Amino acid sequence: MSTLNSRLQLSILNRKKDKNLAEKGFTLIELMITIVIVGVLSATALPQFLGVKEKSEATARIGEFIGLAQECSSSIKMDGPWPDTYSANLKAKGIDKDCHGTTAKTSAPTVDINYTGEVIPADLAGTVSCGPDIKLAEGKKCNIKVQFLDGNMKFSEV
């Protein structure tokens, strides 16, 4: 009876083992629920990531022009030194006037440094800043004006 009993136990163990191997893995319901959860998460997160590249590029260009305006402003306040490549750098960036020029301070009251890149598209309106507290509207550009008499900077939207 002991051999029969041991064969029966062995047979039962083999069946349980086969069932466990067959039951490993995910069911269709579990996979569908996972897909729905991932879909909902991506649908809520995706709009936040759209336009991030364009916004960062527009902000970087404006930041570059603010840096040039600050350089111009500090050069005016210190009455030089004027770098040899300053005019070439400004013109390469799309700025139409030299920072120091060749005229006397009294005859040139302002130096306009204009951000001349693309206008702000509708999807970036209100998210890109010009200067400390101006949020650019759709179709607008950032204008930075440096006063030649005292080197002060003024930010406006054009």
N, C-alpha and C. Protein backbone atom coordinates (compact mmCIF):
# COMPACT_ATOMS: atom_id res chain seq x y z
N MET A 1 0.80 -1.18 0.00
CA MET A 1 0.00 0.00 0.00
C MET A 1 0.85 1.26 0.00
N SER A 2 2.02 1.14 0.49
CA SER A 2 2.88 2.31 0.55
C SER A 2 3.36 2.74 -0.83
N THR A 3 3.60 1.79 -1.76
CA THR A 3 4.00 2.19 -3.11
C THR A 3 2.85 2.83 -3.87
N LEU A 4 1.65 2.34 -3.65
CA LEU A 4 0.49 2.92 -4.29
C LEU A 4 0.24 4.32 -3.75
N ASN A 5 0.38 4.46 -2.47
CA ASN A 5 0.20 5.74 -1.83
C ASN A 5 1.25 6.74 -2.30
N SER A 6 2.47 6.31 -2.43
CA SER A 6 3.53 7.22 -2.88
C SER A 6 3.34 7.59 -4.35
N ARG A 7 2.86 6.62 -5.19
CA ARG A 7 2.58 6.94 -6.59
C ARG A 7 1.43 7.94 -6.70
N LEU A 8 0.45 7.80 -5.87
CA LEU A 8 -0.68 8.72 -5.87
C LEU A 8 -0.23 10.12 -5.46
N GLN A 9 0.58 10.18 -4.45
CA GLN A 9 1.10 11.47 -4.02
C GLN A 9 1.97 12.11 -5.10
N LEU A 10 2.78 11.32 -5.76
CA LEU A 10 3.63 11.82 -6.85
C LEU A 10 2.77 12.35 -8.00
N SER A 11 1.73 11.63 -8.32
CA SER A 11 0.83 12.05 -9.39
C SER A 11 0.13 13.37 -9.04
N ILE A 12 -0.31 13.48 -7.82
CA ILE A 12 -0.98 14.72 -7.38
C ILE A 12 0.00 15.89 -7.42
N LEU A 13 1.23 15.67 -6.98
CA LEU A 13 2.24 16.74 -7.01
C LEU A 13 2.55 17.18 -8.45
N ASN A 14 2.64 16.25 -9.37
CA ASN A 14 2.91 16.59 -10.77
C ASN A 14 1.77 17.42 -11.37
N ARG A 15 0.53 17.07 -11.04
CA ARG A 15 -0.60 17.86 -11.54
C ARG A 15 -0.58 19.28 -10.99
N LYS A 16 -0.28 19.43 -9.70
CA LYS A 16 -0.21 20.77 -9.09
C LYS A 16 0.92 21.58 -9.74
N LYS A 17 2.02 20.92 -10.02
CA LYS A 17 3.16 21.59 -10.65
C LYS A 17 2.78 22.08 -12.05
N ASP A 18 2.08 21.23 -12.81
CA ASP A 18 1.65 21.61 -14.15
C ASP A 18 0.68 22.79 -14.11
N LYS A 19 -0.23 22.80 -13.12
CA LYS A 19 -1.18 23.90 -13.00
C LYS A 19 -0.45 25.21 -12.68
N ASN A 20 0.53 25.15 -11.80
CA ASN A 20 1.27 26.35 -11.43
C ASN A 20 2.03 26.92 -12.62
N LEU A 21 2.60 26.07 -13.44
CA LEU A 21 3.30 26.55 -14.63
C LEU A 21 2.34 27.21 -15.61
N ALA A 22 1.15 26.65 -15.75
CA ALA A 22 0.16 27.19 -16.68
C ALA A 22 -0.43 28.50 -16.18
N GLU A 23 -0.46 28.68 -14.88
CA GLU A 23 -1.09 29.87 -14.31
C GLU A 23 -0.12 31.05 -14.19
N LYS A 24 1.12 30.90 -14.54
CA LYS A 24 2.07 32.00 -14.47
C LYS A 24 1.81 32.95 -15.64
N GLY A 25 2.00 34.26 -15.41
CA GLY A 25 1.77 35.27 -16.44
C GLY A 25 0.60 36.16 -16.06
N PHE A 26 0.28 37.09 -16.97
CA PHE A 26 -0.79 38.05 -16.72
C PHE A 26 -2.02 37.67 -17.51
N THR A 27 -3.15 37.98 -16.95
CA THR A 27 -4.40 37.74 -17.68
C THR A 27 -4.66 38.93 -18.59
N LEU A 28 -5.57 38.76 -19.51
CA LEU A 28 -5.93 39.83 -20.43
C LEU A 28 -6.51 41.03 -19.68
N ILE A 29 -7.28 40.78 -18.66
CA ILE A 29 -7.87 41.86 -17.86
C ILE A 29 -6.78 42.68 -17.19
N GLU A 30 -5.79 42.00 -16.62
CA GLU A 30 -4.69 42.72 -15.96
C GLU A 30 -3.92 43.58 -16.95
N LEU A 31 -3.67 43.05 -18.14
CA LEU A 31 -2.97 43.83 -19.16
C LEU A 31 -3.80 45.02 -19.62
N MET A 32 -5.09 44.85 -19.79
CA MET A 32 -5.96 45.95 -20.22
C MET A 32 -6.01 47.05 -19.16
N ILE A 33 -6.10 46.67 -17.90
CA ILE A 33 -6.12 47.67 -16.83
C ILE A 33 -4.82 48.45 -16.81
N THR A 34 -3.70 47.77 -17.01
CA THR A 34 -2.40 48.44 -17.05
C THR A 34 -2.33 49.43 -18.21
N ILE A 35 -2.81 49.03 -19.37
CA ILE A 35 -2.80 49.91 -20.54
C ILE A 35 -3.67 51.13 -20.30
N VAL A 36 -4.83 50.95 -19.68
CA VAL A 36 -5.72 52.09 -19.39
C VAL A 36 -5.05 53.04 -18.41
N ILE A 37 -4.40 52.52 -17.39
CA ILE A 37 -3.73 53.39 -16.41
C ILE A 37 -2.60 54.18 -17.06
N VAL A 38 -1.79 53.51 -17.87
CA VAL A 38 -0.70 54.20 -18.57
C VAL A 38 -1.26 55.25 -19.53
N GLY A 39 -2.34 54.93 -20.20
CA GLY A 39 -2.97 55.89 -21.12
C GLY A 39 -3.48 57.13 -20.41
N VAL A 40 -4.12 56.94 -19.27
CA VAL A 40 -4.63 58.08 -18.50
C VAL A 40 -3.48 58.95 -18.00
N LEU A 41 -2.43 58.32 -17.51
CA LEU A 41 -1.27 59.09 -17.02
C LEU A 41 -0.60 59.88 -18.14
N SER A 42 -0.44 59.26 -19.30
CA SER A 42 0.19 59.97 -20.41
C SER A 42 -0.72 61.07 -20.95
N ALA A 43 -2.02 60.87 -20.92
CA ALA A 43 -2.94 61.91 -21.40
C ALA A 43 -2.93 63.14 -20.50
N THR A 44 -2.69 62.95 -19.22
CA THR A 44 -2.62 64.10 -18.32
C THR A 44 -1.25 64.76 -18.34
N ALA A 45 -0.19 64.00 -18.59
CA ALA A 45 1.17 64.56 -18.55
C ALA A 45 1.61 65.15 -19.89
N LEU A 46 1.12 64.60 -20.99
CA LEU A 46 1.57 65.02 -22.31
C LEU A 46 1.35 66.51 -22.60
N PRO A 47 0.20 67.09 -22.30
CA PRO A 47 0.03 68.52 -22.58
C PRO A 47 1.03 69.42 -21.86
N GLN A 48 1.51 68.97 -20.71
CA GLN A 48 2.48 69.77 -19.98
C GLN A 48 3.84 69.79 -20.68
N PHE A 49 4.14 68.74 -21.43
CA PHE A 49 5.44 68.65 -22.10
C PHE A 49 5.43 69.23 -23.51
N LEU A 50 4.25 69.42 -24.09
CA LEU A 50 4.17 69.99 -25.43
C LEU A 50 4.56 71.46 -25.37
N GLY A 51 5.35 71.91 -26.28
CA GLY A 51 5.75 73.30 -26.33
C GLY A 51 6.90 73.66 -25.41
N VAL A 52 7.41 72.72 -24.64
CA VAL A 52 8.51 73.03 -23.72
C VAL A 52 9.76 73.42 -24.50
N LYS A 53 10.04 72.72 -25.59
CA LYS A 53 11.23 73.02 -26.39
C LYS A 53 11.13 74.42 -26.99
N GLU A 54 9.97 74.75 -27.58
CA GLU A 54 9.80 76.07 -28.19
C GLU A 54 9.89 77.17 -27.14
N LYS A 55 9.30 76.93 -25.98
CA LYS A 55 9.34 77.93 -24.92
C LYS A 55 10.77 78.14 -24.44
N SER A 56 11.53 77.07 -24.27
CA SER A 56 12.90 77.21 -23.80
C SER A 56 13.78 77.90 -24.83
N GLU A 57 13.55 77.63 -26.12
CA GLU A 57 14.32 78.31 -27.17
C GLU A 57 14.00 79.80 -27.20
N ALA A 58 12.72 80.16 -27.10
CA ALA A 58 12.34 81.57 -27.10
C ALA A 58 12.90 82.27 -25.86
N THR A 59 12.83 81.63 -24.72
CA THR A 59 13.36 82.22 -23.49
C THR A 59 14.87 82.36 -23.56
N ALA A 60 15.55 81.39 -24.17
CA ALA A 60 17.01 81.47 -24.30
C ALA A 60 17.41 82.63 -25.21
N ARG A 61 16.68 82.82 -26.32
CA ARG A 61 17.00 83.94 -27.21
C ARG A 61 16.78 85.28 -26.51
N ILE A 62 15.69 85.40 -25.79
CA ILE A 62 15.45 86.66 -25.07
C ILE A 62 16.51 86.85 -23.99
N GLY A 63 16.87 85.78 -23.30
CA GLY A 63 17.92 85.88 -22.28
C GLY A 63 19.26 86.31 -22.87
N GLU A 64 19.54 85.85 -24.08
CA GLU A 64 20.78 86.24 -24.75
C GLU A 64 20.77 87.74 -25.05
N PHE A 65 19.63 88.25 -25.50
CA PHE A 65 19.53 89.68 -25.79
C PHE A 65 19.56 90.51 -24.52
N ILE A 66 18.99 89.99 -23.43
CA ILE A 66 19.08 90.70 -22.16
C ILE A 66 20.54 90.76 -21.71
N GLY A 67 21.28 89.68 -21.92
CA GLY A 67 22.71 89.68 -21.59
C GLY A 67 23.48 90.71 -22.40
N LEU A 68 23.16 90.81 -23.70
CA LEU A 68 23.82 91.83 -24.53
C LEU A 68 23.45 93.24 -24.07
N ALA A 69 22.18 93.43 -23.70
CA ALA A 69 21.76 94.75 -23.21
C ALA A 69 22.46 95.09 -21.91
N GLN A 70 22.65 94.11 -21.03
CA GLN A 70 23.36 94.36 -19.77
C GLN A 70 24.82 94.69 -20.02
N GLU A 71 25.41 94.00 -21.00
CA GLU A 71 26.80 94.31 -21.35
C GLU A 71 26.91 95.73 -21.89
N CYS A 72 25.97 96.08 -22.73
CA CYS A 72 25.95 97.44 -23.28
C CYS A 72 25.76 98.47 -22.16
N SER A 73 24.81 98.17 -21.26
CA SER A 73 24.52 99.09 -20.16
C SER A 73 25.74 99.29 -19.25
N SER A 74 26.41 98.20 -18.91
CA SER A 74 27.58 98.35 -18.03
C SER A 74 28.73 99.06 -18.73
N SER A 75 28.88 98.84 -20.04
CA SER A 75 29.93 99.55 -20.79
C SER A 75 29.63 101.04 -20.82
N ILE A 76 28.35 101.40 -20.98
CA ILE A 76 27.98 102.83 -20.98
C ILE A 76 28.25 103.44 -19.61
N LYS A 77 27.86 102.74 -18.55
CA LYS A 77 28.04 103.29 -17.21
C LYS A 77 29.51 103.44 -16.85
N MET A 78 30.36 102.52 -17.36
CA MET A 78 31.78 102.59 -17.05
C MET A 78 32.54 103.41 -18.09
N ASP A 79 31.84 103.90 -19.11
CA ASP A 79 32.45 104.66 -20.21
C ASP A 79 33.54 103.84 -20.88
N GLY A 80 33.20 102.59 -21.18
CA GLY A 80 34.12 101.66 -21.80
C GLY A 80 34.56 100.64 -20.78
N PRO A 81 35.42 99.77 -21.10
CA PRO A 81 36.02 99.55 -22.41
C PRO A 81 35.03 98.95 -23.39
N TRP A 82 35.22 99.31 -24.65
CA TRP A 82 34.38 98.79 -25.72
C TRP A 82 35.16 97.68 -26.42
N PRO A 83 34.71 96.45 -26.33
CA PRO A 83 35.42 95.35 -26.99
C PRO A 83 35.48 95.54 -28.49
N ASP A 84 36.57 95.06 -29.10
CA ASP A 84 36.74 95.20 -30.55
C ASP A 84 35.66 94.46 -31.32
N THR A 85 35.21 93.34 -30.79
CA THR A 85 34.23 92.51 -31.51
C THR A 85 32.80 92.83 -31.11
N TYR A 86 32.62 93.88 -30.33
CA TYR A 86 31.28 94.17 -29.81
C TYR A 86 30.29 94.45 -30.93
N SER A 87 30.65 95.29 -31.86
CA SER A 87 29.72 95.62 -32.94
C SER A 87 29.41 94.40 -33.80
N ALA A 88 30.43 93.60 -34.11
CA ALA A 88 30.21 92.41 -34.92
C ALA A 88 29.31 91.42 -34.18
N ASN A 89 29.52 91.29 -32.87
CA ASN A 89 28.67 90.38 -32.09
C ASN A 89 27.22 90.84 -32.11
N LEU A 90 27.01 92.13 -31.93
CA LEU A 90 25.64 92.65 -31.92
C LEU A 90 24.97 92.46 -33.27
N LYS A 91 25.68 92.76 -34.35
CA LYS A 91 25.09 92.63 -35.68
C LYS A 91 24.83 91.17 -36.03
N ALA A 92 25.67 90.27 -35.54
CA ALA A 92 25.45 88.84 -35.78
C ALA A 92 24.19 88.37 -35.05
N LYS A 93 23.82 89.04 -33.97
CA LYS A 93 22.63 88.68 -33.21
C LYS A 93 21.38 89.38 -33.74
N GLY A 94 21.50 90.20 -34.78
CA GLY A 94 20.33 90.87 -35.35
C GLY A 94 20.05 92.22 -34.75
N ILE A 95 21.04 92.83 -34.11
CA ILE A 95 20.85 94.16 -33.51
C ILE A 95 21.37 95.20 -34.48
N ASP A 96 20.58 96.24 -34.68
CA ASP A 96 20.86 97.16 -35.77
C ASP A 96 21.80 98.31 -35.42
N LYS A 97 22.15 98.51 -34.15
CA LYS A 97 23.01 99.64 -33.78
C LYS A 97 24.15 99.17 -32.90
N ASP A 98 25.26 99.91 -32.95
CA ASP A 98 26.36 99.65 -32.04
C ASP A 98 25.97 100.11 -30.64
N CYS A 99 26.62 99.53 -29.67
CA CYS A 99 26.35 99.96 -28.30
C CYS A 99 26.97 101.33 -28.04
N HIS A 100 28.20 101.55 -28.50
CA HIS A 100 28.86 102.81 -28.18
C HIS A 100 28.90 103.76 -29.36
N GLY A 101 28.96 103.26 -30.56
CA GLY A 101 28.96 104.14 -31.73
C GLY A 101 30.17 105.05 -31.76
N THR A 102 30.10 106.07 -32.56
CA THR A 102 31.20 107.03 -32.67
C THR A 102 30.77 108.43 -32.29
N THR A 103 29.50 108.58 -31.90
CA THR A 103 29.01 109.92 -31.57
C THR A 103 29.16 110.20 -30.09
N ALA A 104 29.07 111.46 -29.75
CA ALA A 104 29.16 111.83 -28.34
C ALA A 104 27.88 111.42 -27.62
N LYS A 105 27.97 111.28 -26.31
CA LYS A 105 26.81 110.83 -25.54
C LYS A 105 25.62 111.78 -25.67
N THR A 106 25.87 113.05 -25.75
CA THR A 106 24.76 114.00 -25.80
C THR A 106 24.02 113.96 -27.13
N SER A 107 24.67 113.54 -28.21
CA SER A 107 23.99 113.54 -29.50
C SER A 107 23.24 112.24 -29.77
N ALA A 108 23.46 111.19 -28.97
CA ALA A 108 22.74 109.93 -29.16
C ALA A 108 22.10 109.54 -27.83
N PRO A 109 20.87 109.98 -27.58
CA PRO A 109 20.27 109.78 -26.27
C PRO A 109 19.94 108.32 -25.94
N THR A 110 19.65 107.52 -26.92
CA THR A 110 19.31 106.12 -26.61
C THR A 110 19.97 105.18 -27.60
N VAL A 111 20.18 103.99 -27.13
CA VAL A 111 20.63 102.91 -28.00
C VAL A 111 19.56 101.83 -27.90
N ASP A 112 18.92 101.51 -29.00
CA ASP A 112 17.89 100.49 -28.98
C ASP A 112 18.50 99.13 -29.28
N ILE A 113 18.28 98.21 -28.38
CA ILE A 113 18.66 96.83 -28.63
C ILE A 113 17.35 96.07 -28.73
N ASN A 114 17.02 95.61 -29.92
CA ASN A 114 15.74 94.96 -30.15
C ASN A 114 15.89 93.47 -30.33
N TYR A 115 15.04 92.73 -29.66
CA TYR A 115 14.93 91.30 -29.91
C TYR A 115 14.14 91.16 -31.20
N THR A 116 14.79 90.65 -32.24
CA THR A 116 14.15 90.62 -33.55
C THR A 116 13.81 89.20 -34.01
N GLY A 117 13.73 88.27 -33.09
CA GLY A 117 13.38 86.90 -33.45
C GLY A 117 11.92 86.76 -33.82
N GLU A 118 11.46 85.51 -33.90
CA GLU A 118 10.08 85.26 -34.27
C GLU A 118 9.14 85.82 -33.21
N VAL A 119 7.94 86.14 -33.64
CA VAL A 119 6.92 86.60 -32.69
C VAL A 119 6.46 85.39 -31.87
N ILE A 120 5.91 85.68 -30.73
CA ILE A 120 5.45 84.63 -29.82
C ILE A 120 4.20 83.99 -30.39
N PRO A 121 4.21 82.65 -30.61
CA PRO A 121 3.01 81.98 -31.11
C PRO A 121 1.93 81.88 -30.03
N ALA A 122 0.74 81.51 -30.45
CA ALA A 122 -0.41 81.48 -29.53
C ALA A 122 -0.19 80.52 -28.37
N ASP A 123 0.44 79.36 -28.63
CA ASP A 123 0.58 78.38 -27.55
C ASP A 123 1.62 78.78 -26.51
N LEU A 124 2.45 79.80 -26.79
CA LEU A 124 3.43 80.27 -25.80
C LEU A 124 3.03 81.60 -25.18
N ALA A 125 1.89 82.15 -25.60
CA ALA A 125 1.47 83.46 -25.10
C ALA A 125 1.32 83.43 -23.58
N GLY A 126 1.92 84.42 -22.93
CA GLY A 126 1.82 84.53 -21.49
C GLY A 126 2.78 83.65 -20.71
N THR A 127 3.63 82.88 -21.40
CA THR A 127 4.56 82.01 -20.69
C THR A 127 6.00 82.46 -20.85
N VAL A 128 6.29 83.30 -21.84
CA VAL A 128 7.66 83.76 -22.09
C VAL A 128 7.79 85.18 -21.56
N SER A 129 8.83 85.43 -20.76
CA SER A 129 9.00 86.74 -20.13
C SER A 129 9.99 87.59 -20.89
N CYS A 130 9.68 88.87 -20.94
CA CYS A 130 10.60 89.88 -21.46
C CYS A 130 10.99 90.75 -20.27
N GLY A 131 12.19 90.60 -19.81
CA GLY A 131 12.61 91.37 -18.65
C GLY A 131 12.03 90.82 -17.37
N PRO A 132 12.00 91.65 -16.33
CA PRO A 132 11.60 91.15 -15.02
C PRO A 132 10.14 90.75 -14.89
N ASP A 133 9.20 91.47 -15.51
CA ASP A 133 7.80 91.19 -15.22
C ASP A 133 6.84 91.37 -16.40
N ILE A 134 7.33 91.26 -17.62
CA ILE A 134 6.45 91.39 -18.79
C ILE A 134 6.29 90.01 -19.42
N LYS A 135 5.07 89.50 -19.43
CA LYS A 135 4.76 88.24 -20.11
C LYS A 135 4.31 88.59 -21.52
N LEU A 136 5.00 88.05 -22.52
CA LEU A 136 4.70 88.41 -23.90
C LEU A 136 3.39 87.79 -24.36
N ALA A 137 2.59 88.59 -25.07
CA ALA A 137 1.33 88.11 -25.63
C ALA A 137 1.59 87.53 -27.02
N GLU A 138 0.55 86.90 -27.56
CA GLU A 138 0.66 86.29 -28.89
C GLU A 138 1.00 87.35 -29.93
N GLY A 139 1.95 87.04 -30.81
CA GLY A 139 2.32 87.93 -31.89
C GLY A 139 3.20 89.10 -31.47
N LYS A 140 3.71 89.10 -30.25
CA LYS A 140 4.53 90.21 -29.75
C LYS A 140 5.99 89.82 -29.67
N LYS A 141 6.87 90.84 -29.62
CA LYS A 141 8.30 90.67 -29.47
C LYS A 141 8.77 91.42 -28.25
N CYS A 142 9.95 91.06 -27.78
CA CYS A 142 10.55 91.75 -26.64
C CYS A 142 11.42 92.89 -27.16
N ASN A 143 11.24 94.08 -26.62
CA ASN A 143 12.06 95.24 -26.98
C ASN A 143 12.84 95.68 -25.75
N ILE A 144 14.16 95.79 -25.91
CA ILE A 144 15.02 96.25 -24.81
C ILE A 144 15.68 97.54 -25.27
N LYS A 145 15.44 98.60 -24.55
CA LYS A 145 16.04 99.89 -24.89
C LYS A 145 17.05 100.27 -23.81
N VAL A 146 18.27 100.55 -24.24
CA VAL A 146 19.33 100.97 -23.31
C VAL A 146 19.51 102.47 -23.47
N GLN A 147 19.35 103.22 -22.37
CA GLN A 147 19.54 104.67 -22.38
C GLN A 147 21.03 104.97 -22.49
N PHE A 148 21.42 105.73 -23.49
CA PHE A 148 22.84 106.00 -23.72
C PHE A 148 23.41 107.01 -22.73
N LEU A 149 22.56 107.85 -22.16
CA LEU A 149 23.06 108.85 -21.22
C LEU A 149 23.42 108.23 -19.86
N ASP A 150 22.60 107.28 -19.39
CA ASP A 150 22.87 106.74 -18.05
C ASP A 150 23.00 105.21 -18.03
N GLY A 151 22.78 104.54 -19.15
CA GLY A 151 22.93 103.10 -19.21
C GLY A 151 21.77 102.29 -18.66
N ASN A 152 20.64 102.96 -18.33
CA ASN A 152 19.49 102.23 -17.81
C ASN A 152 18.81 101.44 -18.91
N MET A 153 18.22 100.31 -18.52
CA MET A 153 17.52 99.45 -19.48
C MET A 153 16.03 99.56 -19.25
N LYS A 154 15.28 99.58 -20.36
CA LYS A 154 13.83 99.60 -20.30
C LYS A 154 13.30 98.45 -21.17
N PHE A 155 12.39 97.67 -20.61
CA PHE A 155 11.81 96.53 -21.32
C PHE A 155 10.39 96.88 -21.74
N SER A 156 10.04 96.50 -22.94
CA SER A 156 8.67 96.71 -23.41
C SER A 156 8.31 95.62 -24.40
N GLU A 157 7.03 95.56 -24.71
CA GLU A 157 6.50 94.58 -25.64
C GLU A 157 6.12 95.33 -26.92
N VAL A 158 6.56 94.81 -28.07
CA VAL A 158 6.21 95.46 -29.35
C VAL A 158 5.55 94.46 -30.27
